[in-house]
Amino acid sequence: MSGYLVRRVIGAVIVMWAVATLVFFMLRAVPGDPLATMLFDVGDPAAAEVLRAKLGLDQPVWVQYVKWFGLILQGDLGNSIYGSRVDVVRIVSEALPRTLSLAALSFVLALVIAVPAGLISALRKHSRLDHAVTLVAFLGLSMPDFWLSIMLIIVFAANLQWLPAIGYEPLAVGFWPWFSHLIMPAIAIGTPFTAIIARMIRSAMLEVLKTEYVTVARAKGLLKWRVVLVHALPNALIPVVTVMGIAIALLMAGTVVVENVFAIKGLGRVLIEGILNRDYPVVQGAILAVSAIFVFANLAVDVLYTVIDPRIRYD
């Protein structure tokens, strides 16, 4: 197991390097000049050249890449080239807890709703309840997250005034301020995820309930809840966990849009602002952080297989 984890961590690092390298060269291949954005196209050309040299943008791309990669190996993501030249590590470290809080709450809410819904739908196959869950799941997959975000703001913030419309409060301030600011964006991001997981649990449970060991467990007179939760559900979770690892990409993609709607300065909003400002170091740092979350989340999913099913080993 330890050897497998070492190989996967090395592979994860290689993937992150490949993603960061691709982003580095793609940013510089896009037409446009970051200095034009900074100077609003009206700056003094001589001053612009001085600033270009100061930022190292006058050097060949491969030289910029070697310098940037050397800084990465030292844990330095560089400084923002826009505004007050803030350290990118500081920008990412301030934004990361907000994005992780939002993604974690979305994930938990999705599981709390999806697992019971999928189980009930499978156990009541072709019933009205099953059809209702299927319809709700279809609607959840069909609703764009930005549209759902706006609808939630209109209903719960503007009309009912139950929840704050924008902003973020850290958990250190208190659970309710943290939760009240994140519940609407978490619902907006987690709705498609909930629908996917509910449908996967239903499909997996229908297959597992047909197996011989479930039939034997029922024949022994075990209680129905014990057959479902102890014998059937753990085996049904294997394909569901696989989908969870892939669906994490949905959560991270959703944060890019939803954080801007709710004015939460997480990695998504930092990434959008960096792209609009053509702030190369900020965009590279944000994407590197997002890719790390996605890659290591999938590594955690692989490890979770062995917890759900002890027969699975990576020796």
C-alpha atoms as a PDB file:
ATOM      1  CA  MET A   1       0.000   0.000   0.000  1.00  0.00           C
ATOM      2  CA  SER A   2       2.772   2.431   0.910  1.00  0.00           C
ATOM      3  CA  GLY A   3       4.525   1.788  -2.401  1.00  0.00           C
ATOM      4  CA  TYR A   4       1.307   2.445  -4.278  1.00  0.00           C
ATOM      5  CA  LEU A   5       0.780   5.721  -2.414  1.00  0.00           C
ATOM      6  CA  VAL A   6       4.332   6.858  -3.195  1.00  0.00           C
ATOM      7  CA  ARG A   7       3.816   6.121  -6.901  1.00  0.00           C
ATOM      8  CA  ARG A   8       0.467   7.948  -6.912  1.00  0.00           C
ATOM      9  CA  VAL A   9       1.915  10.998  -5.136  1.00  0.00           C
ATOM     10  CA  ILE A  10       4.771  11.135  -7.654  1.00  0.00           C
ATOM     11  CA  GLY A  11       2.241  10.821 -10.468  1.00  0.00           C
ATOM     12  CA  ALA A  12       0.127  13.587  -8.908  1.00  0.00           C
ATOM     13  CA  VAL A  13       3.128  15.913  -8.776  1.00  0.00           C
ATOM     14  CA  ILE A  14       3.901  15.184 -12.442  1.00  0.00           C
ATOM     15  CA  VAL A  15       0.294  15.926 -13.424  1.00  0.00           C
ATOM     16  CA  MET A  16       0.364  19.223 -11.515  1.00  0.00           C
ATOM     17  CA  TRP A  17       3.638  20.177 -13.217  1.00  0.00           C
ATOM     18  CA  ALA A  18       2.178  19.328 -16.643  1.00  0.00           C
ATOM     19  CA  VAL A  19      -0.959  21.391 -15.961  1.00  0.00           C
ATOM     20  CA  ALA A  20       1.029  24.360 -14.660  1.00  0.00           C
ATOM     21  CA  THR A  21       3.417  24.198 -17.638  1.00  0.00           C
ATOM     22  CA  LEU A  22       0.544  24.047 -20.123  1.00  0.00           C
ATOM     23  CA  VAL A  23      -1.145  27.032 -18.471  1.00  0.00           C
ATOM     24  CA  PHE A  24       2.146  28.976 -18.426  1.00  0.00           C
ATOM     25  CA  PHE A  25       2.623  28.723 -22.183  1.00  0.00           C
ATOM     26  CA  MET A  26      -1.073  29.065 -23.064  1.00  0.00           C
ATOM     27  CA  LEU A  27      -1.339  32.348 -21.152  1.00  0.00           C
ATOM     28  CA  ARG A  28       1.530  33.815 -23.112  1.00  0.00           C
ATOM     29  CA  ALA A  29       0.136  32.520 -26.407  1.00  0.00           C
ATOM     30  CA  VAL A  30      -3.156  34.386 -25.931  1.00  0.00           C
ATOM     31  CA  PRO A  31      -3.194  37.693 -27.860  1.00  0.00           C
ATOM     32  CA  GLY A  32      -2.886  40.797 -25.703  1.00  0.00           C
ATOM     33  CA  ASP A  33      -0.414  42.509 -23.418  1.00  0.00           C
ATOM     34  CA  PRO A  34      -0.735  42.580 -19.623  1.00  0.00           C
ATOM     35  CA  LEU A  35       0.964  45.988 -19.555  1.00  0.00           C
ATOM     36  CA  ALA A  36      -1.781  47.389 -21.784  1.00  0.00           C
ATOM     37  CA  THR A  37      -4.275  46.250 -19.166  1.00  0.00           C
ATOM     38  CA  MET A  38      -2.240  47.767 -16.356  1.00  0.00           C
ATOM     39  CA  LEU A  39      -1.692  51.101 -18.145  1.00  0.00           C
ATOM     40  CA  PHE A  40      -5.154  51.205 -19.778  1.00  0.00           C
ATOM     41  CA  ASP A  41      -3.531  51.532 -23.228  1.00  0.00           C
ATOM     42  CA  VAL A  42      -2.606  55.165 -22.511  1.00  0.00           C
ATOM     43  CA  GLY A  43       0.689  54.814 -20.675  1.00  0.00           C
ATOM     44  CA  ASP A  44       4.037  56.222 -21.760  1.00  0.00           C
ATOM     45  CA  PRO A  45       5.717  53.653 -24.099  1.00  0.00           C
ATOM     46  CA  ALA A  46       9.112  54.291 -22.485  1.00  0.00           C
ATOM     47  CA  ALA A  47       7.699  53.743 -18.997  1.00  0.00           C
ATOM     48  CA  ALA A  48       5.940  50.611 -20.270  1.00  0.00           C
ATOM     49  CA  GLU A  49       9.237  49.175 -21.493  1.00  0.00           C
ATOM     50  CA  VAL A  50      10.900  49.905 -18.151  1.00  0.00           C
ATOM     51  CA  LEU A  51       8.040  48.151 -16.364  1.00  0.00           C
ATOM     52  CA  ARG A  52       8.220  45.244 -18.822  1.00  0.00           C
ATOM     53  CA  ALA A  53      11.915  44.787 -18.039  1.00  0.00           C
ATOM     54  CA  LYS A  54      11.262  45.064 -14.307  1.00  0.00           C
ATOM     55  CA  LEU A  55       8.641  42.305 -14.493  1.00  0.00           C
ATOM     56  CA  GLY A  56      10.852  40.149 -16.709  1.00  0.00           C
ATOM     57  CA  LEU A  57       8.303  40.105 -19.538  1.00  0.00           C
ATOM     58  CA  ASP A  58      10.908  41.299 -22.052  1.00  0.00           C
ATOM     59  CA  GLN A  59      12.793  37.996 -21.820  1.00  0.00           C
ATOM     60  CA  PRO A  60      12.183  34.972 -24.073  1.00  0.00           C
ATOM     61  CA  VAL A  61       9.337  32.738 -22.928  1.00  0.00           C
ATOM     62  CA  TRP A  62      11.620  29.792 -22.183  1.00  0.00           C
ATOM     63  CA  VAL A  63      13.780  31.998 -19.915  1.00  0.00           C
ATOM     64  CA  GLN A  64      10.661  33.163 -18.075  1.00  0.00           C
ATOM     65  CA  TYR A  65       9.606  29.521 -17.705  1.00  0.00           C
ATOM     66  CA  VAL A  66      12.960  28.387 -16.275  1.00  0.00           C
ATOM     67  CA  LYS A  67      12.931  31.230 -13.729  1.00  0.00           C
ATOM     68  CA  TRP A  68       9.308  30.549 -12.818  1.00  0.00           C
ATOM     69  CA  PHE A  69       9.921  26.811 -12.417  1.00  0.00           C
ATOM     70  CA  GLY A  70      12.955  27.492 -10.241  1.00  0.00           C
ATOM     71  CA  LEU A  71      10.816  29.647  -7.946  1.00  0.00           C
ATOM     72  CA  ILE A  72       8.131  26.924  -7.826  1.00  0.00           C
ATOM     73  CA  LEU A  73      10.697  24.413  -6.574  1.00  0.00           C
ATOM     74  CA  GLN A  74      11.444  26.842  -3.728  1.00  0.00           C
ATOM     75  CA  GLY A  75       7.752  27.206  -2.860  1.00  0.00           C
ATOM     76  CA  ASP A  76       7.577  30.710  -4.341  1.00  0.00           C
ATOM     77  CA  LEU A  77       4.666  31.417  -6.726  1.00  0.00           C
ATOM     78  CA  GLY A  78       5.951  34.897  -7.499  1.00  0.00           C
ATOM     79  CA  ASN A  79       4.208  38.237  -7.070  1.00  0.00           C
ATOM     80  CA  SER A  80       1.146  39.637  -8.731  1.00  0.00           C
ATOM     81  CA  ILE A  81       2.105  41.911 -11.620  1.00  0.00           C
ATOM     82  CA  TYR A  82      -1.055  43.956 -11.153  1.00  0.00           C
ATOM     83  CA  GLY A  83      -1.675  46.586  -8.476  1.00  0.00           C
ATOM     84  CA  SER A  84       0.455  46.386  -5.347  1.00  0.00           C
ATOM     85  CA  ARG A  85       2.397  43.243  -6.428  1.00  0.00           C
ATOM     86  CA  VAL A  86       1.123  41.093  -3.563  1.00  0.00           C
ATOM     87  CA  ASP A  87       2.743  37.698  -2.997  1.00  0.00           C
ATOM     88  CA  VAL A  88       0.759  35.038  -4.894  1.00  0.00           C
ATOM     89  CA  VAL A  89       1.216  32.552  -2.034  1.00  0.00           C
ATOM     90  CA  ARG A  90      -0.560  35.024   0.224  1.00  0.00           C
ATOM     91  CA  ILE A  91      -3.382  35.534  -2.287  1.00  0.00           C
ATOM     92  CA  VAL A  92      -3.890  31.782  -2.709  1.00  0.00           C
ATOM     93  CA  SER A  93      -3.623  31.038   1.030  1.00  0.00           C
ATOM     94  CA  GLU A  94      -6.310  33.642   1.781  1.00  0.00           C
ATOM     95  CA  ALA A  95      -8.628  32.380  -0.971  1.00  0.00           C
ATOM     96  CA  LEU A  96      -8.105  28.640  -0.455  1.00  0.00           C
ATOM     97  CA  PRO A  97      -9.993  28.262   2.882  1.00  0.00           C
ATOM     98  CA  ARG A  98     -13.049  29.964   1.364  1.00  0.00           C
ATOM     99  CA  THR A  99     -13.123  27.660  -1.644  1.00  0.00           C
ATOM    100  CA  LEU A 100     -12.473  24.563   0.477  1.00  0.00           C
ATOM    101  CA  SER A 101     -15.225  25.570   2.920  1.00  0.00           C
ATOM    102  CA  LEU A 102     -17.679  26.072   0.069  1.00  0.00           C
ATOM    103  CA  ALA A 103     -16.720  22.830  -1.675  1.00  0.00           C
ATOM    104  CA  ALA A 104     -16.812  20.823   1.590  1.00  0.00           C
ATOM    105  CA  LEU A 105     -20.239  22.144   2.570  1.00  0.00           C
ATOM    106  CA  SER A 106     -21.550  21.454  -0.950  1.00  0.00           C
ATOM    107  CA  PHE A 107     -20.160  17.915  -0.772  1.00  0.00           C
ATOM    108  CA  VAL A 108     -21.693  17.186   2.638  1.00  0.00           C
ATOM    109  CA  LEU A 109     -25.101  18.615   1.706  1.00  0.00           C
ATOM    110  CA  ALA A 110     -25.064  16.593  -1.516  1.00  0.00           C
ATOM    111  CA  LEU A 111     -24.322  13.331   0.300  1.00  0.00           C
ATOM    112  CA  VAL A 112     -26.890  13.984   3.031  1.00  0.00           C
ATOM    113  CA  ILE A 113     -29.584  14.390   0.368  1.00  0.00           C
ATOM    114  CA  ALA A 114     -28.350  12.026  -2.362  1.00  0.00           C
ATOM    115  CA  VAL A 115     -27.685   8.869  -0.330  1.00  0.00           C
ATOM    116  CA  PRO A 116     -31.176   8.601   1.269  1.00  0.00           C
ATOM    117  CA  ALA A 117     -32.835   9.681  -1.995  1.00  0.00           C
ATOM    118  CA  GLY A 118     -30.942   7.061  -4.011  1.00  0.00           C
ATOM    119  CA  LEU A 119     -31.664   4.316  -1.464  1.00  0.00           C
ATOM    120  CA  ILE A 120     -35.372   5.112  -1.283  1.00  0.00           C
ATOM    121  CA  SER A 121     -35.592   5.309  -5.060  1.00  0.00           C
ATOM    122  CA  ALA A 122     -33.952   1.879  -5.429  1.00  0.00           C
ATOM    123  CA  LEU A 123     -36.037   0.226  -2.712  1.00  0.00           C
ATOM    124  CA  ARG A 124     -39.261   1.690  -4.147  1.00  0.00           C
ATOM    125  CA  LYS A 125     -38.470   0.968  -7.781  1.00  0.00           C
ATOM    126  CA  HIS A 126     -41.039   2.290 -10.290  1.00  0.00           C
ATOM    127  CA  SER A 127     -43.142   3.803  -7.519  1.00  0.00           C
ATOM    128  CA  ARG A 128     -44.373   7.378  -7.516  1.00  0.00           C
ATOM    129  CA  LEU A 129     -41.594   8.230  -5.095  1.00  0.00           C
ATOM    130  CA  ASP A 130     -39.017   6.740  -7.462  1.00  0.00           C
ATOM    131  CA  HIS A 131     -40.417   8.784 -10.353  1.00  0.00           C
ATOM    132  CA  ALA A 132     -40.374  11.918  -8.182  1.00  0.00           C
ATOM    133  CA  VAL A 133     -36.710  11.414  -7.262  1.00  0.00           C
ATOM    134  CA  THR A 134     -35.876  10.816 -10.937  1.00  0.00           C
ATOM    135  CA  LEU A 135     -37.671  14.014 -11.955  1.00  0.00           C
ATOM    136  CA  VAL A 136     -35.974  16.099  -9.260  1.00  0.00           C
ATOM    137  CA  ALA A 137     -32.573  14.650 -10.228  1.00  0.00           C
ATOM    138  CA  PHE A 138     -33.231  15.518 -13.875  1.00  0.00           C
ATOM    139  CA  LEU A 139     -34.162  19.077 -12.926  1.00  0.00           C
ATOM    140  CA  GLY A 140     -31.066  19.351 -10.726  1.00  0.00           C
ATOM    141  CA  LEU A 141     -28.818  18.387 -13.619  1.00  0.00           C
ATOM    142  CA  SER A 142     -30.611  20.788 -15.964  1.00  0.00           C
ATOM    143  CA  MET A 143     -30.373  23.971 -13.857  1.00  0.00           C
ATOM    144  CA  PRO A 144     -27.268  26.131 -14.494  1.00  0.00           C
ATOM    145  CA  ASP A 145     -25.504  26.989 -11.245  1.00  0.00           C
ATOM    146  CA  PHE A 146     -25.411  30.733 -11.989  1.00  0.00           C
ATOM    147  CA  TRP A 147     -29.186  30.791 -12.626  1.00  0.00           C
ATOM    148  CA  LEU A 148     -29.893  28.845  -9.449  1.00  0.00           C
ATOM    149  CA  SER A 149     -27.606  31.218  -7.534  1.00  0.00           C
ATOM    150  CA  ILE A 150     -29.574  34.240  -8.747  1.00  0.00           C
ATOM    151  CA  MET A 151     -32.900  32.578  -7.901  1.00  0.00           C
ATOM    152  CA  LEU A 152     -31.712  31.750  -4.382  1.00  0.00           C
ATOM    153  CA  ILE A 153     -30.567  35.346  -3.839  1.00  0.00           C
ATOM    154  CA  ILE A 154     -33.901  36.720  -5.065  1.00  0.00           C
ATOM    155  CA  VAL A 155     -35.969  34.401  -2.834  1.00  0.00           C
ATOM    156  CA  PHE A 156     -33.977  34.000   0.386  1.00  0.00           C
ATOM    157  CA  ALA A 157     -31.921  37.222   0.467  1.00  0.00           C
ATOM    158  CA  ALA A 158     -33.977  39.870  -1.334  1.00  0.00           C
ATOM    159  CA  ASN A 159     -37.563  38.785  -0.614  1.00  0.00           C
ATOM    160  CA  LEU A 160     -37.491  36.760   2.603  1.00  0.00           C
ATOM    161  CA  GLN A 161     -34.274  38.372   3.917  1.00  0.00           C
ATOM    162  CA  TRP A 162     -33.347  35.200   5.751  1.00  0.00           C
ATOM    163  CA  LEU A 163     -29.775  34.949   4.476  1.00  0.00           C
ATOM    164  CA  PRO A 164     -27.017  37.374   3.421  1.00  0.00           C
ATOM    165  CA  ALA A 165     -26.775  37.808  -0.339  1.00  0.00           C
ATOM    166  CA  ILE A 166     -23.006  38.193  -0.681  1.00  0.00           C
ATOM    167  CA  GLY A 167     -19.761  37.871   1.248  1.00  0.00           C
ATOM    168  CA  TYR A 168     -18.006  35.326   3.420  1.00  0.00           C
ATOM    169  CA  GLU A 169     -17.366  34.946   7.131  1.00  0.00           C
ATOM    170  CA  PRO A 170     -14.668  32.574   8.454  1.00  0.00           C
ATOM    171  CA  LEU A 171     -15.678  29.744  10.752  1.00  0.00           C
ATOM    172  CA  ALA A 172     -13.666  31.367  13.543  1.00  0.00           C
ATOM    173  CA  VAL A 173     -16.272  34.146  13.730  1.00  0.00           C
ATOM    174  CA  GLY A 174     -19.009  31.613  14.497  1.00  0.00           C
ATOM    175  CA  PHE A 175     -20.832  28.696  12.932  1.00  0.00           C
ATOM    176  CA  TRP A 176     -23.993  30.564  11.957  1.00  0.00           C
ATOM    177  CA  PRO A 177     -22.244  33.530  10.218  1.00  0.00           C
ATOM    178  CA  TRP A 178     -20.085  31.015   8.321  1.00  0.00           C
ATOM    179  CA  PHE A 179     -23.005  28.727   7.466  1.00  0.00           C
ATOM    180  CA  SER A 180     -25.453  31.503   6.555  1.00  0.00           C
ATOM    181  CA  HIS A 181     -23.037  32.999   4.022  1.00  0.00           C
ATOM    182  CA  LEU A 182     -22.233  29.626   2.418  1.00  0.00           C
ATOM    183  CA  ILE A 183     -25.535  27.733   2.400  1.00  0.00           C
ATOM    184  CA  MET A 184     -26.936  29.334  -0.771  1.00  0.00           C
ATOM    185  CA  PRO A 185     -23.729  29.019  -2.850  1.00  0.00           C
ATOM    186  CA  ALA A 186     -23.312  25.474  -1.515  1.00  0.00           C
ATOM    187  CA  ILE A 187     -26.807  24.558  -2.710  1.00  0.00           C
ATOM    188  CA  ALA A 188     -26.149  26.156  -6.110  1.00  0.00           C
ATOM    189  CA  ILE A 189     -22.905  24.207  -6.575  1.00  0.00           C
ATOM    190  CA  GLY A 190     -24.045  20.954  -4.979  1.00  0.00           C
ATOM    191  CA  THR A 191     -27.371  20.520  -6.805  1.00  0.00           C
ATOM    192  CA  PRO A 192     -25.927  18.878  -9.976  1.00  0.00           C
ATOM    193  CA  PHE A 193     -23.585  16.814  -7.793  1.00  0.00           C
ATOM    194  CA  THR A 194     -26.546  15.655  -5.669  1.00  0.00           C
ATOM    195  CA  ALA A 195     -28.478  14.583  -8.745  1.00  0.00           C
ATOM    196  CA  ILE A 196     -25.549  12.567 -10.131  1.00  0.00           C
ATOM    197  CA  ILE A 197     -24.858  10.763  -6.854  1.00  0.00           C
ATOM    198  CA  ALA A 198     -28.548   9.982  -6.234  1.00  0.00           C
ATOM    199  CA  ARG A 199     -28.917   8.417  -9.674  1.00  0.00           C
ATOM    200  CA  MET A 200     -25.683   6.447  -9.289  1.00  0.00           C
ATOM    201  CA  ILE A 201     -26.713   5.079  -5.883  1.00  0.00           C
ATOM    202  CA  ARG A 202     -30.073   4.021  -7.302  1.00  0.00           C
ATOM    203  CA  SER A 203     -28.473   2.189 -10.228  1.00  0.00           C
ATOM    204  CA  ALA A 204     -25.787   0.540  -8.102  1.00  0.00           C
ATOM    205  CA  MET A 205     -28.272  -0.539  -5.410  1.00  0.00           C
ATOM    206  CA  LEU A 206     -30.615  -2.112  -7.984  1.00  0.00           C
ATOM    207  CA  GLU A 207     -27.711  -4.222  -9.249  1.00  0.00           C
ATOM    208  CA  VAL A 208     -26.506  -5.216  -5.796  1.00  0.00           C
ATOM    209  CA  LEU A 209     -29.988  -6.144  -4.562  1.00  0.00           C
ATOM    210  CA  LYS A 210     -30.133  -8.804  -7.306  1.00  0.00           C
ATOM    211  CA  THR A 211     -26.962 -10.575  -6.127  1.00  0.00           C
ATOM    212  CA  GLU A 212     -26.960 -13.975  -4.427  1.00  0.00           C
ATOM    213  CA  TYR A 213     -25.440 -12.864  -1.132  1.00  0.00           C
ATOM    214  CA  VAL A 214     -28.261 -10.358  -0.621  1.00  0.00           C
ATOM    215  CA  THR A 215     -30.789 -13.115  -1.337  1.00  0.00           C
ATOM    216  CA  VAL A 216     -29.031 -15.361   1.205  1.00  0.00           C
ATOM    217  CA  ALA A 217     -29.025 -12.591   3.794  1.00  0.00           C
ATOM    218  CA  ARG A 218     -32.751 -12.120   3.324  1.00  0.00           C
ATOM    219  CA  ALA A 219     -33.316 -15.889   3.515  1.00  0.00           C
ATOM    220  CA  LYS A 220     -31.562 -15.968   6.891  1.00  0.00           C
ATOM    221  CA  GLY A 221     -34.240 -13.619   8.210  1.00  0.00           C
ATOM    222  CA  LEU A 222     -32.063 -10.570   8.699  1.00  0.00           C
ATOM    223  CA  LEU A 223     -33.855  -7.289   9.177  1.00  0.00           C
ATOM    224  CA  LYS A 224     -34.395  -5.349   5.970  1.00  0.00           C
ATOM    225  CA  TRP A 225     -32.443  -2.304   7.175  1.00  0.00           C
ATOM    226  CA  ARG A 226     -29.492  -4.541   8.065  1.00  0.00           C
ATOM    227  CA  VAL A 227     -29.519  -6.215   4.651  1.00  0.00           C
ATOM    228  CA  VAL A 228     -29.608  -2.839   2.907  1.00  0.00           C
ATOM    229  CA  LEU A 229     -27.169  -0.846   5.051  1.00  0.00           C
ATOM    230  CA  VAL A 230     -24.672  -3.531   6.098  1.00  0.00           C
ATOM    231  CA  HIS A 231     -24.598  -5.932   3.155  1.00  0.00           C
ATOM    232  CA  ALA A 232     -25.839  -4.064   0.071  1.00  0.00           C
ATOM    233  CA  LEU A 233     -24.858  -0.424   0.498  1.00  0.00           C
ATOM    234  CA  PRO A 234     -21.069  -0.874   1.022  1.00  0.00           C
ATOM    235  CA  ASN A 235     -20.804  -2.845  -2.221  1.00  0.00           C
ATOM    236  CA  ALA A 236     -23.003  -0.381  -4.070  1.00  0.00           C
ATOM    237  CA  LEU A 237     -20.731   2.477  -3.013  1.00  0.00           C
ATOM    238  CA  ILE A 238     -17.736   1.309  -5.101  1.00  0.00           C
ATOM    239  CA  PRO A 239     -18.965   2.786  -8.426  1.00  0.00           C
ATOM    240  CA  VAL A 240     -20.495   5.726  -6.543  1.00  0.00           C
ATOM    241  CA  VAL A 241     -17.152   6.626  -4.973  1.00  0.00           C
ATOM    242  CA  THR A 242     -15.571   6.523  -8.432  1.00  0.00           C
ATOM    243  CA  VAL A 243     -18.127   9.033  -9.673  1.00  0.00           C
ATOM    244  CA  MET A 244     -17.536  11.175  -6.576  1.00  0.00           C
ATOM    245  CA  GLY A 245     -13.888  11.557  -7.519  1.00  0.00           C
ATOM    246  CA  ILE A 246     -14.814  12.693 -11.013  1.00  0.00           C
ATOM    247  CA  ALA A 247     -17.668  14.901  -9.773  1.00  0.00           C
ATOM    248  CA  ILE A 248     -15.265  16.874  -7.583  1.00  0.00           C
ATOM    249  CA  ALA A 249     -14.336  18.593 -10.839  1.00  0.00           C
ATOM    250  CA  LEU A 250     -17.964  19.767 -10.997  1.00  0.00           C
ATOM    251  CA  LEU A 251     -17.643  21.311  -7.550  1.00  0.00           C
ATOM    252  CA  MET A 252     -14.406  23.100  -8.409  1.00  0.00           C
ATOM    253  CA  ALA A 253     -15.792  24.317 -11.746  1.00  0.00           C
ATOM    254  CA  GLY A 254     -18.934  25.509  -9.980  1.00  0.00           C
ATOM    255  CA  THR A 255     -16.977  27.605  -7.516  1.00  0.00           C
ATOM    256  CA  VAL A 256     -15.499  29.676 -10.372  1.00  0.00           C
ATOM    257  CA  VAL A 257     -18.963  30.946 -11.351  1.00  0.00           C
ATOM    258  CA  VAL A 258     -20.783  30.874  -8.017  1.00  0.00           C
ATOM    259  CA  GLU A 259     -18.048  32.669  -6.070  1.00  0.00           C
ATOM    260  CA  ASN A 260     -18.372  35.594  -8.470  1.00  0.00           C
ATOM    261  CA  VAL A 261     -22.171  35.666  -8.100  1.00  0.00           C
ATOM    262  CA  PHE A 262     -21.966  35.705  -4.288  1.00  0.00           C
ATOM    263  CA  ALA A 263     -18.849  37.941  -4.136  1.00  0.00           C
ATOM    264  CA  ILE A 264     -16.799  35.321  -2.275  1.00  0.00           C
ATOM    265  CA  LYS A 265     -13.117  35.894  -2.942  1.00  0.00           C
ATOM    266  CA  GLY A 266     -12.120  32.259  -3.209  1.00  0.00           C
ATOM    267  CA  LEU A 267      -9.905  30.612  -5.793  1.00  0.00           C
ATOM    268  CA  GLY A 268     -12.616  30.900  -8.444  1.00  0.00           C
ATOM    269  CA  ARG A 269     -12.943  34.656  -8.138  1.00  0.00           C
ATOM    270  CA  VAL A 270      -9.165  35.086  -7.846  1.00  0.00           C
ATOM    271  CA  LEU A 271      -8.803  33.092 -11.056  1.00  0.00           C
ATOM    272  CA  ILE A 272     -11.385  35.182 -12.943  1.00  0.00           C
ATOM    273  CA  GLU A 273      -9.829  38.472 -11.780  1.00  0.00           C
ATOM    274  CA  GLY A 274      -6.376  37.213 -12.707  1.00  0.00           C
ATOM    275  CA  ILE A 275      -7.528  36.277 -16.214  1.00  0.00           C
ATOM    276  CA  LEU A 276      -9.272  39.622 -16.741  1.00  0.00           C
ATOM    277  CA  ASN A 277      -6.177  41.499 -15.552  1.00  0.00           C
ATOM    278  CA  ARG A 278      -3.842  39.148 -17.456  1.00  0.00           C
ATOM    279  CA  ASP A 279      -2.029  38.628 -14.175  1.00  0.00           C
ATOM    280  CA  TYR A 280       0.105  35.628 -15.126  1.00  0.00           C
ATOM    281  CA  PRO A 281       1.462  34.660 -11.666  1.00  0.00           C
ATOM    282  CA  VAL A 282      -1.975  34.817 -10.015  1.00  0.00           C
ATOM    283  CA  VAL A 283      -3.630  32.679 -12.708  1.00  0.00           C
ATOM    284  CA  GLN A 284      -0.795  30.135 -12.578  1.00  0.00           C
ATOM    285  CA  GLY A 285      -0.906  29.957  -8.773  1.00  0.00           C
ATOM    286  CA  ALA A 286      -4.696  29.583  -8.642  1.00  0.00           C
ATOM    287  CA  ILE A 287      -4.759  26.833 -11.282  1.00  0.00           C
ATOM    288  CA  LEU A 288      -1.913  25.035  -9.536  1.00  0.00           C
ATOM    289  CA  ALA A 289      -3.938  25.046  -6.287  1.00  0.00           C
ATOM    290  CA  VAL A 290      -7.110  23.851  -8.033  1.00  0.00           C
ATOM    291  CA  SER A 291      -5.259  21.052  -9.822  1.00  0.00           C
ATOM    292  CA  ALA A 292      -3.698  19.971  -6.507  1.00  0.00           C
ATOM    293  CA  ILE A 293      -7.157  19.740  -4.915  1.00  0.00           C
ATOM    294  CA  PHE A 294      -8.529  17.704  -7.791  1.00  0.00           C
ATOM    295  CA  VAL A 295      -5.543  15.347  -8.104  1.00  0.00           C
ATOM    296  CA  PHE A 296      -5.240  14.581  -4.391  1.00  0.00           C
ATOM    297  CA  ALA A 297      -9.014  14.252  -4.005  1.00  0.00           C
ATOM    298  CA  ASN A 298      -8.905  11.468  -6.586  1.00  0.00           C
ATOM    299  CA  LEU A 299      -6.002   9.905  -4.693  1.00  0.00           C
ATOM    300  CA  ALA A 300      -8.144   9.971  -1.540  1.00  0.00           C
ATOM    301  CA  VAL A 301     -10.936   8.249  -3.479  1.00  0.00           C
ATOM    302  CA  ASP A 302      -8.573   5.414  -4.441  1.00  0.00           C
ATOM    303  CA  VAL A 303      -7.572   4.963  -0.803  1.00  0.00           C
ATOM    304  CA  LEU A 304     -11.238   5.029   0.221  1.00  0.00           C
ATOM    305  CA  TYR A 305     -11.833   1.932  -1.925  1.00  0.00           C
ATOM    306  CA  THR A 306      -9.838  -0.146   0.552  1.00  0.00           C
ATOM    307  CA  VAL A 307     -11.924   1.178   3.456  1.00  0.00           C
ATOM    308  CA  ILE A 308     -15.242   0.355   1.776  1.00  0.00           C
ATOM    309  CA  ASP A 309     -14.147  -3.045   0.460  1.00  0.00           C
ATOM    310  CA  PRO A 310     -11.336  -4.785   2.421  1.00  0.00           C
ATOM    311  CA  ARG A 311     -10.823  -7.165  -0.511  1.00  0.00           C
ATOM    312  CA  ILE A 312      -9.268  -4.357  -2.533  1.00  0.00           C
ATOM    313  CA  ARG A 313      -5.513  -4.092  -2.057  1.00  0.00           C
ATOM    314  CA  TYR A 314      -2.843  -2.080  -3.868  1.00  0.00           C
ATOM    315  CA  ASP A 315       0.144  -4.241  -2.940  1.00  0.00           C
END
